[in-house]
Amino acid sequence: MRGIVATCTAAVLMATAACGTSASKADNDALCSALSRELTGAGLAGTPTRAQAVATANRLDAHVRQVADSRLHDAVVRLHQDLHDIDVAWRRRGPADVTRAAERARADARRAARACGLGSDAFLTS
């Protein structure tokens, strides 16, 4: 019985190790550089137009799966989602919802900038 438990425990540990990812400084730097490029012209200094939100969300599509520190990764995923939400708000809901979605996007852009070791407004461009 102990042999089975030990074998199962070893299998779980190996599976967990295989699924885990560890971000290196180079991984984080690569994602931060990509964000700097992709968020230029995103309109996050104010309220992005629908076209800006769609274009920026589409550019971020390629980066939401990049390996990065969990704080940075989570901020990028939320920002990506916020940009899609801005698009939906422009199409279906109205200006108040667009404003709220833009506020969430700015907060997530600030989180991403801080996770990159930058000033909190580094990714808030017109």
Protein backbone atom coordinates (compact mmCIF):
# COMPACT_ATOMS: atom_id res chain seq x y z
CA MET A 1 0.00 0.00 0.00
CA ARG A 2 2.84 2.42 0.88
CA GLY A 3 4.46 1.66 -2.47
CA ILE A 4 1.28 2.65 -4.32
CA VAL A 5 0.97 5.86 -2.30
CA ALA A 6 4.63 6.72 -2.94
CA THR A 7 4.22 6.01 -6.66
CA CYS A 8 1.05 8.14 -6.86
CA THR A 9 2.69 10.96 -4.91
CA ALA A 10 5.71 10.89 -7.21
CA ALA A 11 3.43 10.94 -10.27
CA VAL A 12 1.51 13.94 -8.94
CA LEU A 13 4.73 15.83 -8.18
CA MET A 14 6.13 15.11 -11.64
CA ALA A 15 2.89 16.17 -13.33
CA THR A 16 2.78 19.38 -11.30
CA ALA A 17 6.38 20.16 -12.14
CA ALA A 18 5.75 19.56 -15.83
CA CYS A 19 2.74 21.91 -15.80
CA GLY A 20 4.41 24.68 -13.85
CA THR A 21 6.12 27.53 -15.62
CA SER A 22 8.75 29.78 -14.24
CA ALA A 23 9.27 33.22 -15.66
CA SER A 24 12.79 34.46 -16.08
CA LYS A 25 13.84 38.09 -16.16
CA ALA A 26 14.25 37.69 -19.93
CA ASP A 27 10.64 36.46 -20.22
CA ASN A 28 9.37 39.46 -18.27
CA ASP A 29 11.58 41.88 -20.22
CA ALA A 30 10.30 40.47 -23.52
CA LEU A 31 6.68 40.88 -22.48
CA CYS A 32 7.29 44.40 -21.14
CA SER A 33 8.93 45.40 -24.45
CA ALA A 34 6.00 43.93 -26.37
CA LEU A 35 3.54 45.85 -24.18
CA SER A 36 5.41 49.07 -24.79
CA ARG A 37 5.07 48.53 -28.56
CA GLU A 38 1.51 47.17 -28.57
CA LEU A 39 0.01 49.81 -26.28
CA THR A 40 1.35 52.76 -28.29
CA GLY A 41 -1.66 54.53 -29.73
CA ALA A 42 -4.11 52.51 -27.64
CA GLY A 43 -5.82 55.63 -26.33
CA LEU A 44 -5.48 54.54 -22.72
CA ALA A 45 -4.60 58.07 -21.58
CA GLY A 46 -8.32 58.72 -22.00
CA THR A 47 -11.16 56.63 -23.33
CA PRO A 48 -10.11 54.54 -26.33
CA THR A 49 -12.26 54.61 -29.43
CA ARG A 50 -13.81 51.33 -30.46
CA ALA A 51 -11.24 51.01 -33.25
CA GLN A 52 -8.34 51.61 -30.83
CA ALA A 53 -9.69 49.03 -28.37
CA VAL A 54 -10.21 46.39 -31.06
CA ALA A 55 -6.80 46.95 -32.66
CA THR A 56 -4.97 46.89 -29.34
CA ALA A 57 -6.83 43.80 -28.09
CA ASN A 58 -5.96 42.04 -31.35
CA ARG A 59 -2.29 42.97 -30.96
CA LEU A 60 -2.31 41.67 -27.37
CA ASP A 61 -3.78 38.33 -28.50
CA ALA A 62 -0.29 37.06 -29.24
CA HIS A 63 1.01 38.06 -25.81
CA VAL A 64 -1.56 36.77 -23.33
CA ARG A 65 0.03 33.32 -23.38
CA GLN A 66 3.61 34.51 -22.93
CA VAL A 67 5.37 33.23 -19.85
CA ALA A 68 5.80 36.00 -17.29
CA ASP A 69 5.74 36.72 -13.60
CA SER A 70 2.20 36.06 -12.34
CA ARG A 71 1.54 39.73 -11.48
CA LEU A 72 2.53 40.82 -14.98
CA HIS A 73 0.74 37.97 -16.70
CA ASP A 74 -2.49 38.56 -14.77
CA ALA A 75 -2.44 42.30 -15.52
CA VAL A 76 -1.92 41.62 -19.24
CA VAL A 77 -4.77 39.08 -19.34
CA ARG A 78 -7.12 41.50 -17.54
CA LEU A 79 -6.06 44.38 -19.79
CA HIS A 80 -6.73 42.23 -22.85
CA GLN A 81 -10.17 41.37 -21.49
CA ASP A 82 -10.88 45.04 -20.63
CA LEU A 83 -10.07 46.11 -24.19
CA HIS A 84 -12.50 43.55 -25.57
CA ASP A 85 -15.05 44.81 -23.04
CA ILE A 86 -14.58 48.38 -24.32
CA ASP A 87 -15.43 47.12 -27.81
CA VAL A 88 -18.57 45.39 -26.53
CA ALA A 89 -19.56 48.46 -24.52
CA TRP A 90 -19.21 50.70 -27.59
CA ARG A 91 -21.32 48.30 -29.67
CA ARG A 92 -24.01 47.30 -27.20
CA ARG A 93 -24.12 49.15 -23.93
CA GLY A 94 -23.32 52.85 -24.04
CA PRO A 95 -20.95 55.61 -22.93
CA ALA A 96 -21.14 54.95 -19.18
CA ASP A 97 -20.09 51.32 -19.65
CA VAL A 98 -17.35 52.38 -22.06
CA THR A 99 -16.00 54.75 -19.42
CA ARG A 100 -16.04 52.06 -16.72
CA ALA A 101 -14.29 49.55 -19.01
CA ALA A 102 -11.67 52.18 -19.90
CA GLU A 103 -11.06 52.86 -16.20
CA ARG A 104 -10.48 49.14 -15.61
CA ALA A 105 -8.14 49.02 -18.62
CA ARG A 106 -6.11 51.98 -17.28
CA ALA A 107 -5.84 50.32 -13.86
CA ASP A 108 -4.60 47.10 -15.45
CA ALA A 109 -2.15 49.00 -17.69
CA ARG A 110 -0.80 50.66 -14.53
CA ARG A 111 -0.46 47.25 -12.81
CA ALA A 112 1.42 45.91 -15.83
CA ALA A 113 3.73 48.94 -15.89
CA ARG A 114 4.54 48.54 -12.19
CA ALA A 115 5.17 44.81 -12.70
CA CYS A 116 7.60 45.81 -15.46
CA GLY A 117 9.40 48.11 -13.04
CA LEU A 118 8.20 51.22 -14.89
CA GLY A 119 6.32 54.29 -13.79
CA SER A 120 2.62 53.54 -13.41
CA ASP A 121 1.64 55.72 -16.39
CA ALA A 122 4.25 54.25 -18.78
CA PHE A 123 1.66 52.36 -20.85
CA LEU A 124 -1.01 55.08 -20.84
CA THR A 125 -0.61 56.58 -24.28
CA SER A 126 -2.99 58.46 -26.52
